[in-house]
Amino acid sequence: MLYAIRNESGRIVSLSETPQQDAKPVSIKDAEVLEFLSIDNDGFSATEFLEKSDTGVARILEDLIDVLISKNQILFTDLPEMAQKKLLGRKLARNYNSPEKESAPESQSTFLIDDDTI
């Protein structure tokens, strides 16, 4: 069950999986909910949505791993070797495709550092 909070105009401004003050129950299939989530109501397919969002979620996880490494919560070498290779390959590809990262300062957090320097 989802709960929606609406503004003065009646538009959904927040969704929650738990009841909140002033929130009303809504269905995930409600057109207003799909609009809030920026999902095309007519062509909505949960499977297709999940497949399309995989790339975005992968980038979120990569960024989370960067944050954990920069805060010394984990070491890059703590990850399985296959995960290291995949993350390193994706990191290099993302940096290659992002011209603003070429001029980024050396102190920028990245897992492309030697764990011995931490």
PDB file of N, CA and C in Angstrom:
ATOM      1  N   MET A   1       0.846  -1.168   0.000  1.00  0.00           N
ATOM      2  CA  MET A   1       0.000   0.000   0.000  1.00  0.00           C
ATOM      3  C   MET A   1       0.893   1.233   0.000  1.00  0.00           C
ATOM      4  N   LEU A   2       0.521   2.209  -0.798  1.00  0.00           N
ATOM      5  CA  LEU A   2       1.215   3.495  -0.850  1.00  0.00           C
ATOM      6  C   LEU A   2       0.346   4.564  -0.208  1.00  0.00           C
ATOM      7  N   TYR A   3       0.983   5.591   0.299  1.00  0.00           N
ATOM      8  CA  TYR A   3       0.289   6.724   0.893  1.00  0.00           C
ATOM      9  C   TYR A   3       0.800   7.994   0.223  1.00  0.00           C
ATOM     10  N   ALA A   4      -0.132   8.851  -0.179  1.00  0.00           N
ATOM     11  CA  ALA A   4       0.221  10.074  -0.903  1.00  0.00           C
ATOM     12  C   ALA A   4      -0.099  11.301  -0.066  1.00  0.00           C
ATOM     13  N   ILE A   5       0.797  12.252  -0.121  1.00  0.00           N
ATOM     14  CA  ILE A   5       0.556  13.577   0.457  1.00  0.00           C
ATOM     15  C   ILE A   5       0.359  14.515  -0.717  1.00  0.00           C
ATOM     16  N   ARG A   6      -0.682  15.313  -0.641  1.00  0.00           N
ATOM     17  CA  ARG A   6      -1.031  16.221  -1.732  1.00  0.00           C
ATOM     18  C   ARG A   6      -0.844  17.666  -1.289  1.00  0.00           C
ATOM     19  N   ASN A   7      -0.586  18.541  -2.269  1.00  0.00           N
ATOM     20  CA  ASN A   7      -0.475  19.974  -1.979  1.00  0.00           C
ATOM     21  C   ASN A   7      -1.860  20.604  -1.995  1.00  0.00           C
ATOM     22  N   GLU A   8      -1.902  21.927  -1.863  1.00  0.00           N
ATOM     23  CA  GLU A   8      -3.176  22.645  -1.817  1.00  0.00           C
ATOM     24  C   GLU A   8      -3.981  22.452  -3.094  1.00  0.00           C
ATOM     25  N   SER A   9      -3.298  22.219  -4.205  1.00  0.00           N
ATOM     26  CA  SER A   9      -3.968  22.036  -5.496  1.00  0.00           C
ATOM     27  C   SER A   9      -4.453  20.604  -5.697  1.00  0.00           C
ATOM     28  N   GLY A  10      -4.127  19.719  -4.774  1.00  0.00           N
ATOM     29  CA  GLY A  10      -4.547  18.330  -4.888  1.00  0.00           C
ATOM     30  C   GLY A  10      -3.565  17.437  -5.613  1.00  0.00           C
ATOM     31  N   ARG A  11      -2.413  17.991  -6.031  1.00  0.00           N
ATOM     32  CA  ARG A  11      -1.398  17.190  -6.734  1.00  0.00           C
ATOM     33  C   ARG A  11      -0.535  16.453  -5.717  1.00  0.00           C
ATOM     34  N   ILE A  12      -0.158  15.227  -6.079  1.00  0.00           N
ATOM     35  CA  ILE A  12       0.717  14.437  -5.214  1.00  0.00           C
ATOM     36  C   ILE A  12       2.093  15.095  -5.158  1.00  0.00           C
ATOM     37  N   VAL A  13       2.591  15.290  -3.929  1.00  0.00           N
ATOM     38  CA  VAL A  13       3.923  15.869  -3.745  1.00  0.00           C
ATOM     39  C   VAL A  13       4.871  14.916  -3.030  1.00  0.00           C
ATOM     40  N   SER A  14       4.303  13.814  -2.494  1.00  0.00           N
ATOM     41  CA  SER A  14       5.134  12.852  -1.785  1.00  0.00           C
ATOM     42  C   SER A  14       4.425  11.508  -1.731  1.00  0.00           C
ATOM     43  N   LEU A  15       5.210  10.432  -1.801  1.00  0.00           N
ATOM     44  CA  LEU A  15       4.693   9.072  -1.646  1.00  0.00           C
ATOM     45  C   LEU A  15       5.488   8.378  -0.553  1.00  0.00           C
ATOM     46  N   SER A  16       4.805   7.514   0.178  1.00  0.00           N
ATOM     47  CA  SER A  16       5.457   6.768   1.245  1.00  0.00           C
ATOM     48  C   SER A  16       4.871   5.368   1.298  1.00  0.00           C
ATOM     49  N   GLU A  17       5.677   4.418   1.743  1.00  0.00           N
ATOM     50  CA  GLU A  17       5.180   3.065   1.942  1.00  0.00           C
ATOM     51  C   GLU A  17       4.557   2.900   3.323  1.00  0.00           C
ATOM     52  N   THR A  18       4.754   3.895   4.179  1.00  0.00           N
ATOM     53  CA  THR A  18       4.192   3.849   5.527  1.00  0.00           C
ATOM     54  C   THR A  18       3.253   5.030   5.723  1.00  0.00           C
ATOM     55  N   PRO A  19       2.239   4.855   6.548  1.00  0.00           N
ATOM     56  CA  PRO A  19       1.299   5.960   6.788  1.00  0.00           C
ATOM     57  C   PRO A  19       2.017   7.181   7.367  1.00  0.00           C
ATOM     58  N   GLN A  20       1.677   8.348   6.846  1.00  0.00           N
ATOM     59  CA  GLN A  20       2.237   9.617   7.316  1.00  0.00           C
ATOM     60  C   GLN A  20       1.080  10.541   7.666  1.00  0.00           C
ATOM     61  N   GLN A  21       1.367  11.560   8.434  1.00  0.00           N
ATOM     62  CA  GLN A  21       0.340  12.536   8.767  1.00  0.00           C
ATOM     63  C   GLN A  21      -0.160  13.195   7.479  1.00  0.00           C
ATOM     64  N   ASP A  22      -1.469  13.296   7.329  1.00  0.00           N
ATOM     65  CA  ASP A  22      -2.135  13.893   6.168  1.00  0.00           C
ATOM     66  C   ASP A  22      -1.993  13.081   4.886  1.00  0.00           C
ATOM     67  N   ALA A  23      -1.472  11.871   4.960  1.00  0.00           N
ATOM     68  CA  ALA A  23      -1.334  11.041   3.757  1.00  0.00           C
ATOM     69  C   ALA A  23      -2.565  10.154   3.611  1.00  0.00           C
ATOM     70  N   LYS A  24      -2.958   9.953   2.361  1.00  0.00           N
ATOM     71  CA  LYS A  24      -4.112   9.108   2.045  1.00  0.00           C
ATOM     72  C   LYS A  24      -3.639   7.901   1.233  1.00  0.00           C
ATOM     73  N   PRO A  25      -4.265   6.739   1.446  1.00  0.00           N
ATOM     74  CA  PRO A  25      -3.886   5.557   0.670  1.00  0.00           C
ATOM     75  C   PRO A  25      -4.166   5.756  -0.823  1.00  0.00           C
ATOM     76  N   VAL A  26      -3.243   5.280  -1.652  1.00  0.00           N
ATOM     77  CA  VAL A  26      -3.403   5.324  -3.109  1.00  0.00           C
ATOM     78  C   VAL A  26      -2.886   4.021  -3.696  1.00  0.00           C
ATOM     79  N   SER A  27      -3.330   3.712  -4.897  1.00  0.00           N
ATOM     80  CA  SER A  27      -2.881   2.517  -5.605  1.00  0.00           C
ATOM     81  C   SER A  27      -1.683   2.868  -6.484  1.00  0.00           C
ATOM     82  N   ILE A  28      -0.749   1.940  -6.585  1.00  0.00           N
ATOM     83  CA  ILE A  28       0.409   2.131  -7.458  1.00  0.00           C
ATOM     84  C   ILE A  28      -0.035   2.290  -8.905  1.00  0.00           C
ATOM     85  N   LYS A  29      -1.228   1.799  -9.246  1.00  0.00           N
ATOM     86  CA  LYS A  29      -1.728   1.888 -10.615  1.00  0.00           C
ATOM     87  C   LYS A  29      -2.522   3.166 -10.865  1.00  0.00           C
ATOM     88  N   ASP A  30      -2.702   3.985  -9.835  1.00  0.00           N
ATOM     89  CA  ASP A  30      -3.423   5.256  -9.971  1.00  0.00           C
ATOM     90  C   ASP A  30      -2.676   6.152 -10.957  1.00  0.00           C
ATOM     91  N   ALA A  31      -3.407   6.767 -11.885  1.00  0.00           N
ATOM     92  CA  ALA A  31      -2.788   7.618 -12.910  1.00  0.00           C
ATOM     93  C   ALA A  31      -1.974   8.745 -12.287  1.00  0.00           C
ATOM     94  N   GLU A  32      -2.450   9.315 -11.186  1.00  0.00           N
ATOM     95  CA  GLU A  32      -1.705  10.404 -10.538  1.00  0.00           C
ATOM     96  C   GLU A  32      -0.396   9.905  -9.933  1.00  0.00           C
ATOM     97  N   VAL A  33      -0.408   8.689  -9.420  1.00  0.00           N
ATOM     98  CA  VAL A  33       0.814   8.103  -8.865  1.00  0.00           C
ATOM     99  C   VAL A  33       1.815   7.873  -9.983  1.00  0.00           C
ATOM    100  N   LEU A  34       1.346   7.310 -11.093  1.00  0.00           N
ATOM    101  CA  LEU A  34       2.238   7.067 -12.227  1.00  0.00           C
ATOM    102  C   LEU A  34       2.786   8.378 -12.778  1.00  0.00           C
ATOM    103  N   GLU A  35       1.948   9.411 -12.811  1.00  0.00           N
ATOM    104  CA  GLU A  35       2.417  10.722 -13.266  1.00  0.00           C
ATOM    105  C   GLU A  35       3.485  11.263 -12.325  1.00  0.00           C
ATOM    106  N   PHE A  36       3.252  11.148 -11.012  1.00  0.00           N
ATOM    107  CA  PHE A  36       4.229  11.609 -10.024  1.00  0.00           C
ATOM    108  C   PHE A  36       5.565  10.895 -10.214  1.00  0.00           C
ATOM    109  N   LEU A  37       5.499   9.608 -10.531  1.00  0.00           N
ATOM    110  CA  LEU A  37       6.714   8.825 -10.739  1.00  0.00           C
ATOM    111  C   LEU A  37       7.261   8.962 -12.154  1.00  0.00           C
ATOM    112  N   SER A  38       6.618   9.813 -12.960  1.00  0.00           N
ATOM    113  CA  SER A  38       7.015  10.061 -14.351  1.00  0.00           C
ATOM    114  C   SER A  38       6.996   8.786 -15.178  1.00  0.00           C
ATOM    115  N   ILE A  39       5.936   8.029 -15.012  1.00  0.00           N
ATOM    116  CA  ILE A  39       5.755   6.793 -15.765  1.00  0.00           C
ATOM    117  C   ILE A  39       4.567   6.987 -16.698  1.00  0.00           C
ATOM    118  N   ASP A  40       4.741   6.604 -17.953  1.00  0.00           N
ATOM    119  CA  ASP A  40       3.667   6.686 -18.941  1.00  0.00           C
ATOM    120  C   ASP A  40       2.579   5.689 -18.574  1.00  0.00           C
ATOM    121  N   ASN A  41       1.402   6.203 -18.214  1.00  0.00           N
ATOM    122  CA  ASN A  41       0.298   5.363 -17.764  1.00  0.00           C
ATOM    123  C   ASN A  41      -0.175   4.392 -18.847  1.00  0.00           C
ATOM    124  N   ASP A  42      -0.234   4.842 -20.090  1.00  0.00           N
ATOM    125  CA  ASP A  42      -0.778   4.002 -21.162  1.00  0.00           C
ATOM    126  C   ASP A  42       0.115   2.805 -21.468  1.00  0.00           C
ATOM    127  N   GLY A  43       1.419   3.030 -21.483  1.00  0.00           N
ATOM    128  CA  GLY A  43       2.322   1.953 -21.857  1.00  0.00           C
ATOM    129  C   GLY A  43       3.071   1.374 -20.680  1.00  0.00           C
ATOM    130  N   PHE A  44       2.531   1.513 -19.463  1.00  0.00           N
ATOM    131  CA  PHE A  44       3.268   1.077 -18.283  1.00  0.00           C
ATOM    132  C   PHE A  44       3.369  -0.441 -18.199  1.00  0.00           C
ATOM    133  N   SER A  45       4.570  -0.901 -18.020  1.00  0.00           N
ATOM    134  CA  SER A  45       4.851  -2.309 -17.766  1.00  0.00           C
ATOM    135  C   SER A  45       5.903  -2.334 -16.658  1.00  0.00           C
ATOM    136  N   ALA A  46       5.578  -2.974 -15.550  1.00  0.00           N
ATOM    137  CA  ALA A  46       6.512  -3.021 -14.425  1.00  0.00           C
ATOM    138  C   ALA A  46       7.842  -3.636 -14.840  1.00  0.00           C
ATOM    139  N   THR A  47       7.798  -4.679 -15.643  1.00  0.00           N
ATOM    140  CA  THR A  47       9.023  -5.338 -16.092  1.00  0.00           C
ATOM    141  C   THR A  47       9.873  -4.396 -16.930  1.00  0.00           C
ATOM    142  N   GLU A  48       9.230  -3.704 -17.868  1.00  0.00           N
ATOM    143  CA  GLU A  48       9.959  -2.758 -18.717  1.00  0.00           C
ATOM    144  C   GLU A  48      10.523  -1.607 -17.895  1.00  0.00           C
ATOM    145  N   PHE A  49       9.749  -1.106 -16.943  1.00  0.00           N
ATOM    146  CA  PHE A  49      10.221  -0.023 -16.085  1.00  0.00           C
ATOM    147  C   PHE A  49      11.459  -0.456 -15.308  1.00  0.00           C
ATOM    148  N   LEU A  50      11.427  -1.664 -14.744  1.00  0.00           N
ATOM    149  CA  LEU A  50      12.572  -2.162 -13.986  1.00  0.00           C
ATOM    150  C   LEU A  50      13.803  -2.308 -14.877  1.00  0.00           C
ATOM    151  N   GLU A  51      13.619  -2.820 -16.082  1.00  0.00           N
ATOM    152  CA  GLU A  51      14.744  -2.973 -16.999  1.00  0.00           C
ATOM    153  C   GLU A  51      15.349  -1.622 -17.366  1.00  0.00           C
ATOM    154  N   LYS A  52      14.479  -0.631 -17.621  1.00  0.00           N
ATOM    155  CA  LYS A  52      14.982   0.697 -17.983  1.00  0.00           C
ATOM    156  C   LYS A  52      15.661   1.393 -16.804  1.00  0.00           C
ATOM    157  N   SER A  53      15.227   1.093 -15.593  1.00  0.00           N
ATOM    158  CA  SER A  53      15.809   1.768 -14.433  1.00  0.00           C
ATOM    159  C   SER A  53      17.080   1.091 -13.930  1.00  0.00           C
ATOM    160  N   ASP A  54      17.420  -0.074 -14.444  1.00  0.00           N
ATOM    161  CA  ASP A  54      18.610  -0.791 -13.981  1.00  0.00           C
ATOM    162  C   ASP A  54      19.881   0.042 -14.109  1.00  0.00           C
ATOM    163  N   THR A  55      20.043   0.756 -15.201  1.00  0.00           N
ATOM    164  CA  THR A  55      21.248   1.565 -15.401  1.00  0.00           C
ATOM    165  C   THR A  55      21.350   2.650 -14.333  1.00  0.00           C
ATOM    166  N   GLY A  56      20.241   3.303 -14.059  1.00  0.00           N
ATOM    167  CA  GLY A  56      20.241   4.343 -13.036  1.00  0.00           C
ATOM    168  C   GLY A  56      20.571   3.800 -11.664  1.00  0.00           C
ATOM    169  N   VAL A  57      20.016   2.643 -11.350  1.00  0.00           N
ATOM    170  CA  VAL A  57      20.288   2.025 -10.058  1.00  0.00           C
ATOM    171  C   VAL A  57      21.754   1.588  -9.982  1.00  0.00           C
ATOM    172  N   ALA A  58      22.290   1.088 -11.077  1.00  0.00           N
ATOM    173  CA  ALA A  58      23.705   0.691 -11.097  1.00  0.00           C
ATOM    174  C   ALA A  58      24.591   1.898 -10.795  1.00  0.00           C
ATOM    175  N   ARG A  59      24.254   3.047 -11.363  1.00  0.00           N
ATOM    176  CA  ARG A  59      25.057   4.251 -11.111  1.00  0.00           C
ATOM    177  C   ARG A  59      24.931   4.699  -9.660  1.00  0.00           C
ATOM    178  N   ILE A  60      23.745   4.542  -9.097  1.00  0.00           N
ATOM    179  CA  ILE A  60      23.563   4.883  -7.684  1.00  0.00           C
ATOM    180  C   ILE A  60      24.447   3.988  -6.822  1.00  0.00           C
ATOM    181  N   LEU A  61      24.465   2.700  -7.126  1.00  0.00           N
ATOM    182  CA  LEU A  61      25.297   1.774  -6.353  1.00  0.00           C
ATOM    183  C   LEU A  61      26.784   2.076  -6.523  1.00  0.00           C
ATOM    184  N   GLU A  62      27.192   2.432  -7.732  1.00  0.00           N
ATOM    185  CA  GLU A  62      28.595   2.805  -7.956  1.00  0.00           C
ATOM    186  C   GLU A  62      28.951   4.033  -7.122  1.00  0.00           C
ATOM    187  N   ASP A  63      28.060   5.015  -7.108  1.00  0.00           N
ATOM    188  CA  ASP A  63      28.305   6.222  -6.315  1.00  0.00           C
ATOM    189  C   ASP A  63      28.324   5.898  -4.820  1.00  0.00           C
ATOM    190  N   LEU A  64      27.448   5.004  -4.387  1.00  0.00           N
ATOM    191  CA  LEU A  64      27.432   4.583  -2.980  1.00  0.00           C
ATOM    192  C   LEU A  64      28.748   3.913  -2.613  1.00  0.00           C
ATOM    193  N   ILE A  65      29.244   3.056  -3.475  1.00  0.00           N
ATOM    194  CA  ILE A  65      30.523   2.404  -3.218  1.00  0.00           C
ATOM    195  C   ILE A  65      31.637   3.440  -3.131  1.00  0.00           C
ATOM    196  N   ASP A  66      31.625   4.440  -4.023  1.00  0.00           N
ATOM    197  CA  ASP A  66      32.611   5.529  -3.954  1.00  0.00           C
ATOM    198  C   ASP A  66      32.564   6.228  -2.603  1.00  0.00           C
ATOM    199  N   VAL A  67      31.358   6.520  -2.125  1.00  0.00           N
ATOM    200  CA  VAL A  67      31.202   7.213  -0.846  1.00  0.00           C
ATOM    201  C   VAL A  67      31.732   6.339   0.291  1.00  0.00           C
ATOM    202  N   LEU A  68      31.375   5.072   0.303  1.00  0.00           N
ATOM    203  CA  LEU A  68      31.842   4.175   1.358  1.00  0.00           C
ATOM    204  C   LEU A  68      33.364   4.066   1.366  1.00  0.00           C
ATOM    205  N   ILE A  69      33.961   4.022   0.190  1.00  0.00           N
ATOM    206  CA  ILE A  69      35.421   3.953   0.104  1.00  0.00           C
ATOM    207  C   ILE A  69      36.050   5.266   0.571  1.00  0.00           C
ATOM    208  N   SER A  70      35.477   6.392   0.142  1.00  0.00           N
ATOM    209  CA  SER A  70      36.057   7.689   0.539  1.00  0.00           C
ATOM    210  C   SER A  70      35.951   7.919   2.044  1.00  0.00           C
ATOM    211  N   LYS A  71      34.964   7.295   2.695  1.00  0.00           N
ATOM    212  CA  LYS A  71      34.806   7.425   4.149  1.00  0.00           C
ATOM    213  C   LYS A  71      35.501   6.294   4.901  1.00  0.00           C
ATOM    214  N   ASN A  72      36.293   5.528   4.165  1.00  0.00           N
ATOM    215  CA  ASN A  72      37.050   4.409   4.739  1.00  0.00           C
ATOM    216  C   ASN A  72      36.156   3.390   5.439  1.00  0.00           C
ATOM    217  N   GLN A  73      34.937   3.227   4.951  1.00  0.00           N
ATOM    218  CA  GLN A  73      34.040   2.220   5.500  1.00  0.00           C
ATOM    219  C   GLN A  73      34.343   0.849   4.905  1.00  0.00           C
ATOM    220  N   ILE A  74      34.772   0.852   3.656  1.00  0.00           N
ATOM    221  CA  ILE A  74      35.216  -0.377   2.988  1.00  0.00           C
ATOM    222  C   ILE A  74      36.438  -0.039   2.158  1.00  0.00           C
ATOM    223  N   LEU A  75      37.188  -1.048   1.818  1.00  0.00           N
ATOM    224  CA  LEU A  75      38.295  -0.904   0.886  1.00  0.00           C
ATOM    225  C   LEU A  75      37.856  -1.494  -0.443  1.00  0.00           C
ATOM    226  N   PHE A  76      38.345  -0.933  -1.520  1.00  0.00           N
ATOM    227  CA  PHE A  76      38.015  -1.457  -2.842  1.00  0.00           C
ATOM    228  C   PHE A  76      38.380  -2.933  -2.923  1.00  0.00           C
ATOM    229  N   THR A  77      39.488  -3.301  -2.301  1.00  0.00           N
ATOM    230  CA  THR A  77      39.954  -4.690  -2.343  1.00  0.00           C
ATOM    231  C   THR A  77      39.109  -5.610  -1.459  1.00  0.00           C
ATOM    232  N   ASP A  78      38.198  -5.051  -0.643  1.00  0.00           N
ATOM    233  CA  ASP A  78      37.259  -5.882   0.128  1.00  0.00           C
ATOM    234  C   ASP A  78      36.227  -6.541  -0.784  1.00  0.00           C
ATOM    235  N   LEU A  79      36.009  -5.951  -1.943  1.00  0.00           N
ATOM    236  CA  LEU A  79      35.014  -6.466  -2.876  1.00  0.00           C
ATOM    237  C   LEU A  79      35.580  -7.676  -3.618  1.00  0.00           C
ATOM    238  N   PRO A  80      34.711  -8.594  -4.040  1.00  0.00           N
ATOM    239  CA  PRO A  80      35.201  -9.737  -4.832  1.00  0.00           C
ATOM    240  C   PRO A  80      35.911  -9.247  -6.095  1.00  0.00           C
ATOM    241  N   GLU A  81      36.872 -10.013  -6.555  1.00  0.00           N
ATOM    242  CA  GLU A  81      37.685  -9.613  -7.705  1.00  0.00           C
ATOM    243  C   GLU A  81      36.831  -9.286  -8.935  1.00  0.00           C
ATOM    244  N   MET A  82      35.797 -10.083  -9.206  1.00  0.00           N
ATOM    245  CA  MET A  82      34.945  -9.830 -10.373  1.00  0.00           C
ATOM    246  C   MET A  82      34.207  -8.497 -10.209  1.00  0.00           C
ATOM    247  N   ALA A  83      33.771  -8.202  -9.003  1.00  0.00           N
ATOM    248  CA  ALA A  83      33.097  -6.918  -8.758  1.00  0.00           C
ATOM    249  C   ALA A  83      34.081  -5.770  -8.963  1.00  0.00           C
ATOM    250  N   GLN A  84      35.318  -5.939  -8.505  1.00  0.00           N
ATOM    251  CA  GLN A  84      36.340  -4.911  -8.700  1.00  0.00           C
ATOM    252  C   GLN A  84      36.535  -4.628 -10.187  1.00  0.00           C
ATOM    253  N   LYS A  85      36.648  -5.687 -10.980  1.00  0.00           N
ATOM    254  CA  LYS A  85      36.883  -5.526 -12.414  1.00  0.00           C
ATOM    255  C   LYS A  85      35.714  -4.814 -13.079  1.00  0.00           C
ATOM    256  N   LYS A  86      34.495  -5.224 -12.738  1.00  0.00           N
ATOM    257  CA  LYS A  86      33.321  -4.592 -13.352  1.00  0.00           C
ATOM    258  C   LYS A  86      33.206  -3.132 -12.947  1.00  0.00           C
ATOM    259  N   LEU A  87      33.410  -2.843 -11.658  1.00  0.00           N
ATOM    260  CA  LEU A  87      33.331  -1.458 -11.192  1.00  0.00           C
ATOM    261  C   LEU A  87      34.420  -0.600 -11.816  1.00  0.00           C
ATOM    262  N   LEU A  88      35.614  -1.137 -11.901  1.00  0.00           N
ATOM    263  CA  LEU A  88      36.727  -0.395 -12.493  1.00  0.00           C
ATOM    264  C   LEU A  88      36.452  -0.109 -13.961  1.00  0.00           C
ATOM    265  N   GLY A  89      35.963  -1.109 -14.690  1.00  0.00           N
ATOM    266  CA  GLY A  89      35.638  -0.907 -16.105  1.00  0.00           C
ATOM    267  C   GLY A  89      34.563   0.153 -16.290  1.00  0.00           C
ATOM    268  N   ARG A  90      33.512   0.098 -15.463  1.00  0.00           N
ATOM    269  CA  ARG A  90      32.439   1.095 -15.560  1.00  0.00           C
ATOM    270  C   ARG A  90      32.940   2.476 -15.155  1.00  0.00           C
ATOM    271  N   LYS A  91      33.786   2.548 -14.141  1.00  0.00           N
ATOM    272  CA  LYS A  91      34.328   3.832 -13.689  1.00  0.00           C
ATOM    273  C   LYS A  91      35.164   4.461 -14.806  1.00  0.00           C
ATOM    274  N   LEU A  92      35.989   3.668 -15.442  1.00  0.00           N
ATOM    275  CA  LEU A  92      36.814   4.180 -16.536  1.00  0.00           C
ATOM    276  C   LEU A  92      35.943   4.645 -17.702  1.00  0.00           C
ATOM    277  N   ALA A  93      34.910   3.870 -18.030  1.00  0.00           N
ATOM    278  CA  ALA A  93      34.012   4.245 -19.130  1.00  0.00           C
ATOM    279  C   ALA A  93      33.246   5.521 -18.793  1.00  0.00           C
ATOM    280  N   ARG A  94      32.773   5.642 -17.561  1.00  0.00           N
ATOM    281  CA  ARG A  94      32.054   6.861 -17.165  1.00  0.00           C
ATOM    282  C   ARG A  94      32.977   8.078 -17.218  1.00  0.00           C
ATOM    283  N   ASN A  95      34.208   7.922 -16.761  1.00  0.00           N
ATOM    284  CA  ASN A  95      35.162   9.030 -16.812  1.00  0.00           C
ATOM    285  C   ASN A  95      35.524   9.377 -18.252  1.00  0.00           C
ATOM    286  N   TYR A  96      35.629   8.377 -19.100  1.00  0.00           N
ATOM    287  CA  TYR A  96      35.957   8.593 -20.509  1.00  0.00           C
ATOM    288  C   TYR A  96      34.866   9.395 -21.201  1.00  0.00           C
ATOM    289  N   ASN A  97      33.614   9.131 -20.866  1.00  0.00           N
ATOM    290  CA  ASN A  97      32.471   9.805 -21.484  1.00  0.00           C
ATOM    291  C   ASN A  97      32.108  11.128 -20.826  1.00  0.00           C
ATOM    292  N   SER A  98      32.802  11.496 -19.769  1.00  0.00           N
ATOM    293  CA  SER A  98      32.450  12.705 -19.031  1.00  0.00           C
ATOM    294  C   SER A  98      33.599  13.706 -19.077  1.00  0.00           C
ATOM    295  N   PRO A  99      33.537  14.698 -20.008  1.00  0.00           N
ATOM    296  CA  PRO A  99      34.649  15.638 -20.154  1.00  0.00           C
ATOM    297  C   PRO A  99      34.926  16.454 -18.896  1.00  0.00           C
ATOM    298  N   GLU A 100      33.896  16.755 -18.095  1.00  0.00           N
ATOM    299  CA  GLU A 100      34.137  17.561 -16.894  1.00  0.00           C
ATOM    300  C   GLU A 100      34.946  16.797 -15.862  1.00  0.00           C
ATOM    301  N   LYS A 101      34.948  15.475 -15.913  1.00  0.00           N
ATOM    302  CA  LYS A 101      35.731  14.696 -14.957  1.00  0.00           C
ATOM    303  C   LYS A 101      37.216  14.743 -15.284  1.00  0.00           C
ATOM    304  N   GLU A 102      37.549  15.032 -16.547  1.00  0.00           N
ATOM    305  CA  GLU A 102      38.963  15.093 -16.927  1.00  0.00           C
ATOM    306  C   GLU A 102      39.678  16.219 -16.204  1.00  0.00           C
ATOM    307  N   SER A 103      38.934  17.286 -15.901  1.00  0.00           N
ATOM    308  CA  SER A 103      39.555  18.413 -15.225  1.00  0.00           C
ATOM    309  C   SER A 103      39.300  18.399 -13.728  1.00  0.00           C
ATOM    310  N   ALA A 104      38.727  17.307 -13.210  1.00  0.00           N
ATOM    311  CA  ALA A 104      38.421  17.220 -11.786  1.00  0.00           C
ATOM    312  C   ALA A 104      39.708  17.164 -10.987  1.00  0.00           C
ATOM    313  N   PRO A 105      39.696  17.713  -9.787  1.00  0.00           N
ATOM    314  CA  PRO A 105      40.899  17.694  -8.955  1.00  0.00           C
ATOM    315  C   PRO A 105      41.253  16.273  -8.537  1.00  0.00           C
ATOM    316  N   GLU A 106      42.528  16.075  -8.300  1.00  0.00           N
ATOM    317  CA  GLU A 106      43.023  14.762  -7.916  1.00  0.00           C
ATOM    318  C   GLU A 106      42.422  14.279  -6.607  1.00  0.00           C
ATOM    319  N   SER A 107      41.968  15.204  -5.756  1.00  0.00           N
ATOM    320  CA  SER A 107      41.449  14.822  -4.454  1.00  0.00           C
ATOM    321  C   SER A 107      40.028  14.291  -4.512  1.00  0.00           C
ATOM    322  N   GLN A 108      39.434  14.285  -5.701  1.00  0.00           N
ATOM    323  CA  GLN A 108      38.065  13.791  -5.845  1.00  0.00           C
ATOM    324  C   GLN A 108      38.010  12.336  -5.395  1.00  0.00           C
ATOM    325  N   SER A 109      36.932  11.972  -4.663  1.00  0.00           N
ATOM    326  CA  SER A 109      36.842  10.610  -4.162  1.00  0.00           C
ATOM    327  C   SER A 109      36.662   9.638  -5.314  1.00  0.00           C
ATOM    328  N   THR A 110      37.397   8.567  -5.234  1.00  0.00           N
ATOM    329  CA  THR A 110      37.332   7.538  -6.267  1.00  0.00           C
ATOM    330  C   THR A 110      37.874   6.250  -5.700  1.00  0.00           C
ATOM    331  N   PHE A 111      37.434   5.134  -6.240  1.00  0.00           N
ATOM    332  CA  PHE A 111      38.010   3.875  -5.795  1.00  0.00           C
ATOM    333  C   PHE A 111      39.228   3.514  -6.627  1.00  0.00           C
ATOM    334  N   LEU A 112      39.645   4.423  -7.483  1.00  0.00           N
ATOM    335  CA  LEU A 112      40.824   4.170  -8.311  1.00  0.00           C
ATOM    336  C   LEU A 112      42.086   4.617  -7.592  1.00  0.00           C
ATOM    337  N   ILE A 113      42.150   4.352  -6.302  1.00  0.00           N
ATOM    338  CA  ILE A 113      43.342   4.688  -5.537  1.00  0.00           C
ATOM    339  C   ILE A 113      43.871   3.411  -4.900  1.00  0.00           C
ATOM    340  N   ASP A 114      45.093   3.455  -4.514  1.00  0.00           N
ATOM    341  CA  ASP A 114      45.719   2.301  -3.890  1.00  0.00           C
ATOM    342  C   ASP A 114      45.238   2.218  -2.449  1.00  0.00           C
ATOM    343  N   ASP A 115      44.697   1.064  -2.066  1.00  0.00           N
ATOM    344  CA  ASP A 115      44.209   0.887  -0.703  1.00  0.00           C
ATOM    345  C   ASP A 115      45.306   1.105   0.339  1.00  0.00           C
ATOM    346  N   ASP A 116      46.561   0.903  -0.047  1.00  0.00           N
ATOM    347  CA  ASP A 116      47.653   1.086   0.906  1.00  0.00           C
ATOM    348  C   ASP A 116      47.820   2.540   1.308  1.00  0.00           C
ATOM    349  N   THR A 117      47.293   3.484   0.516  1.00  0.00           N
ATOM    350  CA  THR A 117      47.445   4.889   0.855  1.00  0.00           C
ATOM    351  C   THR A 117      46.397   5.370   1.838  1.00  0.00           C
ATOM    352  N   ILE A 118      45.429   4.527   2.165  1.00  0.00           N
ATOM    353  CA  ILE A 118      44.338   4.926   3.073  1.00  0.00           C
ATOM    354  C   ILE A 118      44.742   4.753   4.501  1.00  0.00           C
TER     355      ILE A 118
END
